[in-house]
Amino acid sequence: MNEQSPPYLLSDLPMSGRNEIDPQALAILAKFNQPSLKLVLSAIAEWTQGVHVISVNAIAAREPEDTWEEAVLEIRIDAKTSEALSLWNKLSQSIDKAKANIAVHDRKMLDSKLGIQVIW
């Protein structure tokens, strides 16, 4: 993979020794328009500043019979429910703002093939 491939892009996210990156998830991320993916990942990275992030995992979700697949970023944070819900709303707004600057085709692909989970 070249310098602009997903592992390089994921380096902007807070990664510690407890993170896992599934190679199948990276394969899915590699199918995205990389500048568009970088805009979304940068929005996520910016959101994590000031948030107590425990781990970030990239996993692949697949349904072989339907040929459906999705890369899921699981962001585990240390927060109480009310704070976590507020943080999730802020993340959602940041991602929507980033996607507003992305071509419609790329945005649709991101919407259908990239999942974001915040776990607290």
PDB file of N, CA and C in Angstrom:
ATOM      1  N   MET A   1       0.838  -1.187   0.000  1.00  0.00           N
ATOM      2  CA  MET A   1       0.000   0.000   0.000  1.00  0.00           C
ATOM      3  C   MET A   1       0.880   1.245   0.000  1.00  0.00           C
ATOM      4  N   ASN A   2       0.396   2.259  -0.685  1.00  0.00           N
ATOM      5  CA  ASN A   2       1.209   3.459  -0.772  1.00  0.00           C
ATOM      6  C   ASN A   2       1.022   4.344   0.445  1.00  0.00           C
ATOM      7  N   GLU A   3       1.722   5.454   0.474  1.00  0.00           N
ATOM      8  CA  GLU A   3       1.722   6.365   1.616  1.00  0.00           C
ATOM      9  C   GLU A   3       0.326   6.904   1.934  1.00  0.00           C
ATOM     10  N   GLN A   4      -0.544   6.996   0.940  1.00  0.00           N
ATOM     11  CA  GLN A   4      -1.877   7.540   1.155  1.00  0.00           C
ATOM     12  C   GLN A   4      -2.919   6.464   1.452  1.00  0.00           C
ATOM     13  N   SER A   5      -2.489   5.223   1.647  1.00  0.00           N
ATOM     14  CA  SER A   5      -3.443   4.153   1.918  1.00  0.00           C
ATOM     15  C   SER A   5      -3.953   4.247   3.359  1.00  0.00           C
ATOM     16  N   PRO A   6      -5.023   3.553   3.680  1.00  0.00           N
ATOM     17  CA  PRO A   6      -5.656   3.685   4.992  1.00  0.00           C
ATOM     18  C   PRO A   6      -4.761   3.564   6.220  1.00  0.00           C
ATOM     19  N   PRO A   7      -3.777   2.638   6.286  1.00  0.00           N
ATOM     20  CA  PRO A   7      -2.978   2.611   7.518  1.00  0.00           C
ATOM     21  C   PRO A   7      -2.334   3.965   7.812  1.00  0.00           C
ATOM     22  N   TYR A   8      -1.891   4.659   6.792  1.00  0.00           N
ATOM     23  CA  TYR A   8      -1.311   5.981   6.968  1.00  0.00           C
ATOM     24  C   TYR A   8      -2.375   6.946   7.471  1.00  0.00           C
ATOM     25  N   LEU A   9      -3.555   6.880   6.902  1.00  0.00           N
ATOM     26  CA  LEU A   9      -4.624   7.779   7.313  1.00  0.00           C
ATOM     27  C   LEU A   9      -5.071   7.499   8.738  1.00  0.00           C
ATOM     28  N   LEU A  10      -5.112   6.245   9.137  1.00  0.00           N
ATOM     29  CA  LEU A  10      -5.537   5.895  10.481  1.00  0.00           C
ATOM     30  C   LEU A  10      -4.549   6.383  11.527  1.00  0.00           C
ATOM     31  N   SER A  11      -3.346   6.722  11.121  1.00  0.00           N
ATOM     32  CA  SER A  11      -2.349   7.190  12.084  1.00  0.00           C
ATOM     33  C   SER A  11      -2.747   8.523  12.706  1.00  0.00           C
ATOM     34  N   ASP A  12      -3.691   9.239  12.110  1.00  0.00           N
ATOM     35  CA  ASP A  12      -4.178  10.490  12.695  1.00  0.00           C
ATOM     36  C   ASP A  12      -5.089  10.240  13.895  1.00  0.00           C
ATOM     37  N   LEU A  13      -5.606   9.031  14.020  1.00  0.00           N
ATOM     38  CA  LEU A  13      -6.497   8.705  15.121  1.00  0.00           C
ATOM     39  C   LEU A  13      -5.672   8.281  16.332  1.00  0.00           C
ATOM     40  N   PRO A  14      -6.218   8.499  17.541  1.00  0.00           N
ATOM     41  CA  PRO A  14      -5.462   8.112  18.743  1.00  0.00           C
ATOM     42  C   PRO A  14      -5.350   6.601  18.832  1.00  0.00           C
ATOM     43  N   MET A  15      -4.161   6.094  18.665  1.00  0.00           N
ATOM     44  CA  MET A  15      -3.945   4.654  18.687  1.00  0.00           C
ATOM     45  C   MET A  15      -2.986   4.323  19.823  1.00  0.00           C
ATOM     46  N   SER A  16      -3.380   3.370  20.643  1.00  0.00           N
ATOM     47  CA  SER A  16      -2.502   2.890  21.708  1.00  0.00           C
ATOM     48  C   SER A  16      -2.283   1.404  21.492  1.00  0.00           C
ATOM     49  N   GLY A  17      -1.614   0.759  22.416  1.00  0.00           N
ATOM     50  CA  GLY A  17      -1.324  -0.661  22.285  1.00  0.00           C
ATOM     51  C   GLY A  17      -2.554  -1.540  22.290  1.00  0.00           C
ATOM     52  N   ARG A  18      -3.718  -1.006  22.689  1.00  0.00           N
ATOM     53  CA  ARG A  18      -4.922  -1.818  22.785  1.00  0.00           C
ATOM     54  C   ARG A  18      -5.789  -1.746  21.535  1.00  0.00           C
ATOM     55  N   ASN A  19      -5.311  -1.189  20.482  1.00  0.00           N
ATOM     56  CA  ASN A  19      -6.103  -1.055  19.269  1.00  0.00           C
ATOM     57  C   ASN A  19      -5.866  -2.227  18.328  1.00  0.00           C
ATOM     58  N   GLU A  20      -6.908  -2.534  17.561  1.00  0.00           N
ATOM     59  CA  GLU A  20      -6.802  -3.593  16.566  1.00  0.00           C
ATOM     60  C   GLU A  20      -7.244  -3.048  15.219  1.00  0.00           C
ATOM     61  N   ILE A  21      -6.491  -3.393  14.202  1.00  0.00           N
ATOM     62  CA  ILE A  21      -6.849  -3.012  12.840  1.00  0.00           C
ATOM     63  C   ILE A  21      -6.930  -4.292  12.025  1.00  0.00           C
ATOM     64  N   ASP A  22      -8.130  -4.636  11.634  1.00  0.00           N
ATOM     65  CA  ASP A  22      -8.397  -5.838  10.857  1.00  0.00           C
ATOM     66  C   ASP A  22      -7.931  -5.606   9.420  1.00  0.00           C
ATOM     67  N   PRO A  23      -7.081  -6.474   8.889  1.00  0.00           N
ATOM     68  CA  PRO A  23      -6.632  -6.316   7.505  1.00  0.00           C
ATOM     69  C   PRO A  23      -7.790  -6.261   6.506  1.00  0.00           C
ATOM     70  N   GLN A  24      -8.882  -6.968   6.793  1.00  0.00           N
ATOM     71  CA  GLN A  24     -10.044  -6.922   5.899  1.00  0.00           C
ATOM     72  C   GLN A  24     -10.696  -5.542   5.931  1.00  0.00           C
ATOM     73  N   ALA A  25     -10.675  -4.890   7.092  1.00  0.00           N
ATOM     74  CA  ALA A  25     -11.204  -3.529   7.173  1.00  0.00           C
ATOM     75  C   ALA A  25     -10.331  -2.583   6.351  1.00  0.00           C
ATOM     76  N   LEU A  26      -9.032  -2.778   6.420  1.00  0.00           N
ATOM     77  CA  LEU A  26      -8.126  -1.935   5.619  1.00  0.00           C
ATOM     78  C   LEU A  26      -8.364  -2.142   4.134  1.00  0.00           C
ATOM     79  N   ALA A  27      -8.657  -3.376   3.750  1.00  0.00           N
ATOM     80  CA  ALA A  27      -8.938  -3.658   2.333  1.00  0.00           C
ATOM     81  C   ALA A  27     -10.188  -2.906   1.880  1.00  0.00           C
ATOM     82  N   ILE A  28     -11.194  -2.832   2.742  1.00  0.00           N
ATOM     83  CA  ILE A  28     -12.410  -2.085   2.409  1.00  0.00           C
ATOM     84  C   ILE A  28     -12.095  -0.590   2.334  1.00  0.00           C
ATOM     85  N   LEU A  29     -11.360  -0.087   3.317  1.00  0.00           N
ATOM     86  CA  LEU A  29     -11.004   1.339   3.326  1.00  0.00           C
ATOM     87  C   LEU A  29     -10.187   1.736   2.095  1.00  0.00           C
ATOM     88  N   ALA A  30      -9.399   0.797   1.589  1.00  0.00           N
ATOM     89  CA  ALA A  30      -8.568   1.079   0.414  1.00  0.00           C
ATOM     90  C   ALA A  30      -9.406   1.319  -0.836  1.00  0.00           C
ATOM     91  N   LYS A  31     -10.675   0.881  -0.828  1.00  0.00           N
ATOM     92  CA  LYS A  31     -11.552   1.059  -1.988  1.00  0.00           C
ATOM     93  C   LYS A  31     -12.135   2.468  -2.076  1.00  0.00           C
ATOM     94  N   PHE A  32     -12.042   3.220  -0.979  1.00  0.00           N
ATOM     95  CA  PHE A  32     -12.601   4.572  -0.965  1.00  0.00           C
ATOM     96  C   PHE A  32     -11.703   5.542  -1.707  1.00  0.00           C
ATOM     97  N   ASN A  33     -12.295   6.633  -2.167  1.00  0.00           N
ATOM     98  CA  ASN A  33     -11.507   7.754  -2.658  1.00  0.00           C
ATOM     99  C   ASN A  33     -10.718   8.255  -1.449  1.00  0.00           C
ATOM    100  N   GLN A  34      -9.401   8.159  -1.511  1.00  0.00           N
ATOM    101  CA  GLN A  34      -8.576   8.428  -0.334  1.00  0.00           C
ATOM    102  C   GLN A  34      -8.665   9.876   0.181  1.00  0.00           C
ATOM    103  N   PRO A  35      -8.688  10.898  -0.670  1.00  0.00           N
ATOM    104  CA  PRO A  35      -8.857  12.258  -0.131  1.00  0.00           C
ATOM    105  C   PRO A  35     -10.200  12.432   0.587  1.00  0.00           C
ATOM    106  N   SER A  36     -11.253  11.804   0.084  1.00  0.00           N
ATOM    107  CA  SER A  36     -12.561  11.881   0.743  1.00  0.00           C
ATOM    108  C   SER A  36     -12.524  11.171   2.093  1.00  0.00           C
ATOM    109  N   LEU A  37     -11.919   9.994   2.129  1.00  0.00           N
ATOM    110  CA  LEU A  37     -11.791   9.252   3.382  1.00  0.00           C
ATOM    111  C   LEU A  37     -10.969  10.055   4.380  1.00  0.00           C
ATOM    112  N   LYS A  38      -9.910  10.684   3.901  1.00  0.00           N
ATOM    113  CA  LYS A  38      -9.057  11.478   4.791  1.00  0.00           C
ATOM    114  C   LYS A  38      -9.838  12.632   5.414  1.00  0.00           C
ATOM    115  N   LEU A  39     -10.741  13.260   4.665  1.00  0.00           N
ATOM    116  CA  LEU A  39     -11.562  14.338   5.232  1.00  0.00           C
ATOM    117  C   LEU A  39     -12.392  13.828   6.411  1.00  0.00           C
ATOM    118  N   VAL A  40     -13.000  12.664   6.248  1.00  0.00           N
ATOM    119  CA  VAL A  40     -13.827  12.100   7.314  1.00  0.00           C
ATOM    120  C   VAL A  40     -12.957  11.674   8.497  1.00  0.00           C
ATOM    121  N   LEU A  41     -11.850  11.001   8.218  1.00  0.00           N
ATOM    122  CA  LEU A  41     -10.972  10.566   9.307  1.00  0.00           C
ATOM    123  C   LEU A  41     -10.356  11.752  10.039  1.00  0.00           C
ATOM    124  N   SER A  42     -10.076  12.828   9.320  1.00  0.00           N
ATOM    125  CA  SER A  42      -9.549  14.038   9.963  1.00  0.00           C
ATOM    126  C   SER A  42     -10.590  14.650  10.886  1.00  0.00           C
ATOM    127  N   ALA A  43     -11.859  14.614  10.470  1.00  0.00           N
ATOM    128  CA  ALA A  43     -12.936  15.119  11.332  1.00  0.00           C
ATOM    129  C   ALA A  43     -13.028  14.279  12.604  1.00  0.00           C
ATOM    130  N   ILE A  44     -12.869  12.973  12.463  1.00  0.00           N
ATOM    131  CA  ILE A  44     -12.897  12.088  13.632  1.00  0.00           C
ATOM    132  C   ILE A  44     -11.696  12.373  14.530  1.00  0.00           C
ATOM    133  N   ALA A  45     -10.515  12.506  13.927  1.00  0.00           N
ATOM    134  CA  ALA A  45      -9.301  12.772  14.703  1.00  0.00           C
ATOM    135  C   ALA A  45      -9.428  14.091  15.465  1.00  0.00           C
ATOM    136  N   GLU A  46      -9.974  15.096  14.817  1.00  0.00           N
ATOM    137  CA  GLU A  46     -10.157  16.394  15.481  1.00  0.00           C
ATOM    138  C   GLU A  46     -11.130  16.254  16.648  1.00  0.00           C
ATOM    139  N   TRP A  47     -12.197  15.493  16.464  1.00  0.00           N
ATOM    140  CA  TRP A  47     -13.186  15.267  17.521  1.00  0.00           C
ATOM    141  C   TRP A  47     -12.563  14.590  18.737  1.00  0.00           C
ATOM    142  N   THR A  48     -11.598  13.693  18.516  1.00  0.00           N
ATOM    143  CA  THR A  48     -11.007  12.943  19.628  1.00  0.00           C
ATOM    144  C   THR A  48     -10.150  13.813  20.539  1.00  0.00           C
ATOM    145  N   GLN A  49      -9.774  14.998  20.084  1.00  0.00           N
ATOM    146  CA  GLN A  49      -8.975  15.891  20.936  1.00  0.00           C
ATOM    147  C   GLN A  49      -9.842  16.336  22.112  1.00  0.00           C
ATOM    148  N   GLY A  50      -9.373  16.099  23.301  1.00  0.00           N
ATOM    149  CA  GLY A  50     -10.130  16.458  24.483  1.00  0.00           C
ATOM    150  C   GLY A  50     -11.107  15.385  24.941  1.00  0.00           C
ATOM    151  N   VAL A  51     -11.184  14.267  24.191  1.00  0.00           N
ATOM    152  CA  VAL A  51     -12.043  13.139  24.564  1.00  0.00           C
ATOM    153  C   VAL A  51     -11.134  12.035  25.090  1.00  0.00           C
ATOM    154  N   HIS A  52     -11.511  11.409  26.197  1.00  0.00           N
ATOM    155  CA  HIS A  52     -10.699  10.318  26.724  1.00  0.00           C
ATOM    156  C   HIS A  52     -10.986   9.055  25.915  1.00  0.00           C
ATOM    157  N   VAL A  53     -10.174   8.834  24.879  1.00  0.00           N
ATOM    158  CA  VAL A  53     -10.328   7.677  23.988  1.00  0.00           C
ATOM    159  C   VAL A  53      -9.541   6.510  24.574  1.00  0.00           C
ATOM    160  N   ILE A  54     -10.229   5.397  24.764  1.00  0.00           N
ATOM    161  CA  ILE A  54      -9.585   4.198  25.293  1.00  0.00           C
ATOM    162  C   ILE A  54      -8.956   3.388  24.162  1.00  0.00           C
ATOM    163  N   SER A  55      -9.707   3.244  23.059  1.00  0.00           N
ATOM    164  CA  SER A  55      -9.173   2.480  21.931  1.00  0.00           C
ATOM    165  C   SER A  55      -9.930   2.844  20.659  1.00  0.00           C
ATOM    166  N   VAL A  56      -9.284   2.567  19.542  1.00  0.00           N
ATOM    167  CA  VAL A  56      -9.905   2.704  18.226  1.00  0.00           C
ATOM    168  C   VAL A  56      -9.615   1.412  17.480  1.00  0.00           C
ATOM    169  N   ASN A  57     -10.673   0.733  17.058  1.00  0.00           N
ATOM    170  CA  ASN A  57     -10.524  -0.515  16.315  1.00  0.00           C
ATOM    171  C   ASN A  57     -11.155  -0.368  14.948  1.00  0.00           C
ATOM    172  N   ALA A  58     -10.517  -0.915  13.953  1.00  0.00           N
ATOM    173  CA  ALA A  58     -11.080  -0.973  12.600  1.00  0.00           C
ATOM    174  C   ALA A  58     -11.387  -2.434  12.330  1.00  0.00           C
ATOM    175  N   ILE A  59     -12.671  -2.724  12.115  1.00  0.00           N
ATOM    176  CA  ILE A  59     -13.089  -4.104  11.868  1.00  0.00           C
ATOM    177  C   ILE A  59     -13.872  -4.169  10.556  1.00  0.00           C
ATOM    178  N   ALA A  60     -13.972  -5.358  10.015  1.00  0.00           N
ATOM    179  CA  ALA A  60     -14.764  -5.570   8.798  1.00  0.00           C
ATOM    180  C   ALA A  60     -16.047  -6.289   9.180  1.00  0.00           C
ATOM    181  N   ALA A  61     -17.143  -5.787   8.667  1.00  0.00           N
ATOM    182  CA  ALA A  61     -18.433  -6.453   8.827  1.00  0.00           C
ATOM    183  C   ALA A  61     -18.835  -6.923   7.441  1.00  0.00           C
ATOM    184  N   ARG A  62     -19.170  -8.198   7.340  1.00  0.00           N
ATOM    185  CA  ARG A  62     -19.486  -8.756   6.018  1.00  0.00           C
ATOM    186  C   ARG A  62     -20.694  -9.664   6.085  1.00  0.00           C
ATOM    187  N   GLU A  63     -21.431  -9.663   4.997  1.00  0.00           N
ATOM    188  CA  GLU A  63     -22.534 -10.594   4.788  1.00  0.00           C
ATOM    189  C   GLU A  63     -22.260 -11.241   3.438  1.00  0.00           C
ATOM    190  N   PRO A  64     -21.552 -12.380   3.430  1.00  0.00           N
ATOM    191  CA  PRO A  64     -21.114 -12.993   2.171  1.00  0.00           C
ATOM    192  C   PRO A  64     -22.245 -13.310   1.196  1.00  0.00           C
ATOM    193  N   GLU A  65     -23.388 -13.710   1.710  1.00  0.00           N
ATOM    194  CA  GLU A  65     -24.488 -14.075   0.816  1.00  0.00           C
ATOM    195  C   GLU A  65     -24.998 -12.880   0.022  1.00  0.00           C
ATOM    196  N   ASP A  66     -24.930 -11.706   0.622  1.00  0.00           N
ATOM    197  CA  ASP A  66     -25.408 -10.494  -0.043  1.00  0.00           C
ATOM    198  C   ASP A  66     -24.279  -9.696  -0.688  1.00  0.00           C
ATOM    199  N   THR A  67     -23.057 -10.163  -0.561  1.00  0.00           N
ATOM    200  CA  THR A  67     -21.854  -9.451  -1.002  1.00  0.00           C
ATOM    201  C   THR A  67     -21.762  -8.058  -0.382  1.00  0.00           C
ATOM    202  N   TRP A  68     -22.369  -7.894   0.793  1.00  0.00           N
ATOM    203  CA  TRP A  68     -22.321  -6.635   1.525  1.00  0.00           C
ATOM    204  C   TRP A  68     -21.106  -6.624   2.436  1.00  0.00           C
ATOM    205  N   GLU A  69     -20.440  -5.489   2.508  1.00  0.00           N
ATOM    206  CA  GLU A  69     -19.304  -5.346   3.407  1.00  0.00           C
ATOM    207  C   GLU A  69     -19.224  -3.905   3.878  1.00  0.00           C
ATOM    208  N   GLU A  70     -18.655  -3.741   5.070  1.00  0.00           N
ATOM    209  CA  GLU A  70     -18.519  -2.416   5.640  1.00  0.00           C
ATOM    210  C   GLU A  70     -17.296  -2.403   6.543  1.00  0.00           C
ATOM    211  N   ALA A  71     -16.549  -1.321   6.505  1.00  0.00           N
ATOM    212  CA  ALA A  71     -15.469  -1.104   7.462  1.00  0.00           C
ATOM    213  C   ALA A  71     -16.082  -0.328   8.619  1.00  0.00           C
ATOM    214  N   VAL A  72     -15.847  -0.791   9.830  1.00  0.00           N
ATOM    215  CA  VAL A  72     -16.410  -0.147  11.012  1.00  0.00           C
ATOM    216  C   VAL A  72     -15.276   0.338  11.900  1.00  0.00           C
ATOM    217  N   LEU A  73     -15.321   1.620  12.239  1.00  0.00           N
ATOM    218  CA  LEU A  73     -14.393   2.176  13.216  1.00  0.00           C
ATOM    219  C   LEU A  73     -15.106   2.181  14.557  1.00  0.00           C
ATOM    220  N   GLU A  74     -14.585   1.414  15.491  1.00  0.00           N
ATOM    221  CA  GLU A  74     -15.124   1.375  16.844  1.00  0.00           C
ATOM    222  C   GLU A  74     -14.259   2.274  17.713  1.00  0.00           C
ATOM    223  N   ILE A  75     -14.866   3.306  18.250  1.00  0.00           N
ATOM    224  CA  ILE A  75     -14.138   4.248  19.100  1.00  0.00           C
ATOM    225  C   ILE A  75     -14.669   4.070  20.515  1.00  0.00           C
ATOM    226  N   ARG A  76     -13.847   3.531  21.391  1.00  0.00           N
ATOM    227  CA  ARG A  76     -14.245   3.316  22.785  1.00  0.00           C
ATOM    228  C   ARG A  76     -13.758   4.505  23.601  1.00  0.00           C
ATOM    229  N   ILE A  77     -14.701   5.134  24.315  1.00  0.00           N
ATOM    230  CA  ILE A  77     -14.369   6.305  25.113  1.00  0.00           C
ATOM    231  C   ILE A  77     -14.734   6.069  26.572  1.00  0.00           C
ATOM    232  N   ASP A  78     -14.099   6.828  27.440  1.00  0.00           N
ATOM    233  CA  ASP A  78     -14.411   6.793  28.865  1.00  0.00           C
ATOM    234  C   ASP A  78     -15.297   7.992  29.154  1.00  0.00           C
ATOM    235  N   ALA A  79     -16.608   7.743  29.236  1.00  0.00           N
ATOM    236  CA  ALA A  79     -17.560   8.823  29.481  1.00  0.00           C
ATOM    237  C   ALA A  79     -18.844   8.232  30.037  1.00  0.00           C
ATOM    238  N   LYS A  80     -19.549   9.047  30.795  1.00  0.00           N
ATOM    239  CA  LYS A  80     -20.873   8.649  31.275  1.00  0.00           C
ATOM    240  C   LYS A  80     -21.847   8.781  30.104  1.00  0.00           C
ATOM    241  N   THR A  81     -22.975   8.119  30.208  1.00  0.00           N
ATOM    242  CA  THR A  81     -23.925   8.055  29.104  1.00  0.00           C
ATOM    243  C   THR A  81     -24.316   9.424  28.573  1.00  0.00           C
ATOM    244  N   SER A  82     -24.679  10.348  29.431  1.00  0.00           N
ATOM    245  CA  SER A  82     -25.121  11.666  28.957  1.00  0.00           C
ATOM    246  C   SER A  82     -23.998  12.392  28.213  1.00  0.00           C
ATOM    247  N   GLU A  83     -22.780  12.306  28.736  1.00  0.00           N
ATOM    248  CA  GLU A  83     -21.639  12.929  28.064  1.00  0.00           C
ATOM    249  C   GLU A  83     -21.348  12.226  26.745  1.00  0.00           C
ATOM    250  N   ALA A  84     -21.418  10.893  26.745  1.00  0.00           N
ATOM    251  CA  ALA A  84     -21.136  10.118  25.532  1.00  0.00           C
ATOM    252  C   ALA A  84     -22.135  10.463  24.429  1.00  0.00           C
ATOM    253  N   LEU A  85     -23.398  10.611  24.779  1.00  0.00           N
ATOM    254  CA  LEU A  85     -24.412  10.963  23.780  1.00  0.00           C
ATOM    255  C   LEU A  85     -24.162  12.353  23.210  1.00  0.00           C
ATOM    256  N   SER A  86     -23.761  13.267  24.062  1.00  0.00           N
ATOM    257  CA  SER A  86     -23.421  14.614  23.600  1.00  0.00           C
ATOM    258  C   SER A  86     -22.200  14.570  22.674  1.00  0.00           C
ATOM    259  N   LEU A  87     -21.197  13.785  23.059  1.00  0.00           N
ATOM    260  CA  LEU A  87     -19.996  13.641  22.225  1.00  0.00           C
ATOM    261  C   LEU A  87     -20.352  12.993  20.884  1.00  0.00           C
ATOM    262  N   TRP A  88     -21.240  11.989  20.903  1.00  0.00           N
ATOM    263  CA  TRP A  88     -21.660  11.336  19.666  1.00  0.00           C
ATOM    264  C   TRP A  88     -22.325  12.347  18.742  1.00  0.00           C
ATOM    265  N   ASN A  89     -23.182  13.201  19.291  1.00  0.00           N
ATOM    266  CA  ASN A  89     -23.842  14.226  18.480  1.00  0.00           C
ATOM    267  C   ASN A  89     -22.822  15.164  17.848  1.00  0.00           C
ATOM    268  N   LYS A  90     -21.807  15.553  18.614  1.00  0.00           N
ATOM    269  CA  LYS A  90     -20.757  16.430  18.081  1.00  0.00           C
ATOM    270  C   LYS A  90     -19.975  15.718  16.983  1.00  0.00           C
ATOM    271  N   LEU A  91     -19.685  14.436  17.180  1.00  0.00           N
ATOM    272  CA  LEU A  91     -18.963  13.675  16.156  1.00  0.00           C
ATOM    273  C   LEU A  91     -19.797  13.582  14.885  1.00  0.00           C
ATOM    274  N   SER A  92     -21.072  13.280  15.036  1.00  0.00           N
ATOM    275  CA  SER A  92     -21.956  13.171  13.885  1.00  0.00           C
ATOM    276  C   SER A  92     -21.989  14.484  13.098  1.00  0.00           C
ATOM    277  N   GLN A  93     -22.062  15.590  13.794  1.00  0.00           N
ATOM    278  CA  GLN A  93     -22.061  16.904  13.135  1.00  0.00           C
ATOM    279  C   GLN A  93     -20.742  17.159  12.416  1.00  0.00           C
ATOM    280  N   SER A  94     -19.636  16.783  13.039  1.00  0.00           N
ATOM    281  CA  SER A  94     -18.319  16.968  12.412  1.00  0.00           C
ATOM    282  C   SER A  94     -18.182  16.135  11.145  1.00  0.00           C
ATOM    283  N   ILE A  95     -18.660  14.900  11.204  1.00  0.00           N
ATOM    284  CA  ILE A  95     -18.589  14.021  10.037  1.00  0.00           C
ATOM    285  C   ILE A  95     -19.493  14.551   8.923  1.00  0.00           C
ATOM    286  N   ASP A  96     -20.703  14.983   9.269  1.00  0.00           N
ATOM    287  CA  ASP A  96     -21.615  15.540   8.265  1.00  0.00           C
ATOM    288  C   ASP A  96     -21.014  16.776   7.606  1.00  0.00           C
ATOM    289  N   LYS A  97     -20.353  17.603   8.392  1.00  0.00           N
ATOM    290  CA  LYS A  97     -19.710  18.802   7.851  1.00  0.00           C
ATOM    291  C   LYS A  97     -18.588  18.417   6.881  1.00  0.00           C
ATOM    292  N   ALA A  98     -17.803  17.411   7.239  1.00  0.00           N
ATOM    293  CA  ALA A  98     -16.730  16.944   6.351  1.00  0.00           C
ATOM    294  C   ALA A  98     -17.307  16.364   5.068  1.00  0.00           C
ATOM    295  N   LYS A  99     -18.384  15.592   5.183  1.00  0.00           N
ATOM    296  CA  LYS A  99     -18.994  14.965   4.009  1.00  0.00           C
ATOM    297  C   LYS A  99     -19.619  15.996   3.066  1.00  0.00           C
ATOM    298  N   ALA A 100     -19.966  17.151   3.587  1.00  0.00           N
ATOM    299  CA  ALA A 100     -20.552  18.196   2.740  1.00  0.00           C
ATOM    300  C   ALA A 100     -19.569  18.664   1.675  1.00  0.00           C
ATOM    301  N   ASN A 101     -18.282  18.430   1.899  1.00  0.00           N
ATOM    302  CA  ASN A 101     -17.237  18.838   0.965  1.00  0.00           C
ATOM    303  C   ASN A 101     -16.776  17.706   0.057  1.00  0.00           C
ATOM    304  N   ILE A 102     -17.542  16.632   0.022  1.00  0.00           N
ATOM    305  CA  ILE A 102     -17.173  15.444  -0.743  1.00  0.00           C
ATOM    306  C   ILE A 102     -18.169  15.250  -1.882  1.00  0.00           C
ATOM    307  N   ALA A 103     -17.681  14.795  -3.014  1.00  0.00           N
ATOM    308  CA  ALA A 103     -18.550  14.520  -4.169  1.00  0.00           C
ATOM    309  C   ALA A 103     -19.645  13.528  -3.777  1.00  0.00           C
ATOM    310  N   VAL A 104     -20.810  13.673  -4.386  1.00  0.00           N
ATOM    311  CA  VAL A 104     -21.979  12.862  -4.050  1.00  0.00           C
ATOM    312  C   VAL A 104     -21.674  11.367  -4.133  1.00  0.00           C
ATOM    313  N   HIS A 105     -21.017  10.927  -5.199  1.00  0.00           N
ATOM    314  CA  HIS A 105     -20.695   9.504  -5.358  1.00  0.00           C
ATOM    315  C   HIS A 105     -19.844   9.004  -4.188  1.00  0.00           C
ATOM    316  N   ASP A 106     -18.817   9.771  -3.826  1.00  0.00           N
ATOM    317  CA  ASP A 106     -17.933   9.368  -2.730  1.00  0.00           C
ATOM    318  C   ASP A 106     -18.677   9.384  -1.399  1.00  0.00           C
ATOM    319  N   ARG A 107     -19.554  10.367  -1.217  1.00  0.00           N
ATOM    320  CA  ARG A 107     -20.338  10.462   0.016  1.00  0.00           C
ATOM    321  C   ARG A 107     -21.253   9.248   0.159  1.00  0.00           C
ATOM    322  N   LYS A 108     -21.891   8.840  -0.941  1.00  0.00           N
ATOM    323  CA  LYS A 108     -22.772   7.669  -0.897  1.00  0.00           C
ATOM    324  C   LYS A 108     -21.986   6.410  -0.548  1.00  0.00           C
ATOM    325  N   MET A 109     -20.804   6.287  -1.110  1.00  0.00           N
ATOM    326  CA  MET A 109     -19.982   5.123  -0.804  1.00  0.00           C
ATOM    327  C   MET A 109     -19.579   5.121   0.674  1.00  0.00           C
ATOM    328  N   LEU A 110     -19.171   6.285   1.182  1.00  0.00           N
ATOM    329  CA  LEU A 110     -18.822   6.381   2.597  1.00  0.00           C
ATOM    330  C   LEU A 110     -20.025   6.049   3.473  1.00  0.00           C
ATOM    331  N   ASP A 111     -21.192   6.555   3.100  1.00  0.00           N
ATOM    332  CA  ASP A 111     -22.401   6.293   3.877  1.00  0.00           C
ATOM    333  C   ASP A 111     -22.755   4.808   3.909  1.00  0.00           C
ATOM    334  N   SER A 112     -22.496   4.106   2.827  1.00  0.00           N
ATOM    335  CA  SER A 112     -22.895   2.699   2.766  1.00  0.00           C
ATOM    336  C   SER A 112     -21.789   1.727   3.190  1.00  0.00           C
ATOM    337  N   LYS A 113     -20.542   2.167   3.191  1.00  0.00           N
ATOM    338  CA  LYS A 113     -19.443   1.235   3.434  1.00  0.00           C
ATOM    339  C   LYS A 113     -18.561   1.578   4.643  1.00  0.00           C
ATOM    340  N   LEU A 114     -18.865   2.696   5.332  1.00  0.00           N
ATOM    341  CA  LEU A 114     -18.068   3.082   6.508  1.00  0.00           C
ATOM    342  C   LEU A 114     -19.002   3.305   7.679  1.00  0.00           C
ATOM    343  N   GLY A 115     -18.822   2.502   8.714  1.00  0.00           N
ATOM    344  CA  GLY A 115     -19.611   2.652   9.922  1.00  0.00           C
ATOM    345  C   GLY A 115     -18.741   3.217  11.037  1.00  0.00           C
ATOM    346  N   ILE A 116     -19.359   4.032  11.879  1.00  0.00           N
ATOM    347  CA  ILE A 116     -18.668   4.604  13.024  1.00  0.00           C
ATOM    348  C   ILE A 116     -19.478   4.217  14.263  1.00  0.00           C
ATOM    349  N   GLN A 117     -18.820   3.591  15.228  1.00  0.00           N
ATOM    350  CA  GLN A 117     -19.470   3.252  16.484  1.00  0.00           C
ATOM    351  C   GLN A 117     -18.707   3.915  17.604  1.00  0.00           C
ATOM    352  N   VAL A 118     -19.436   4.572  18.487  1.00  0.00           N
ATOM    353  CA  VAL A 118     -18.848   5.108  19.706  1.00  0.00           C
ATOM    354  C   VAL A 118     -19.367   4.249  20.841  1.00  0.00           C
ATOM    355  N   ILE A 119     -18.444   3.660  21.580  1.00  0.00           N
ATOM    356  CA  ILE A 119     -18.787   2.746  22.673  1.00  0.00           C
ATOM    357  C   ILE A 119     -18.289   3.354  23.973  1.00  0.00           C
ATOM    358  N   TRP A 120     -19.140   3.345  24.977  1.00  0.00           N
ATOM    359  CA  TRP A 120     -18.731   3.883  26.283  1.00  0.00           C
ATOM    360  C   TRP A 120     -19.074   2.910  27.381  1.00  0.00           C
TER     361      TRP A 120
END
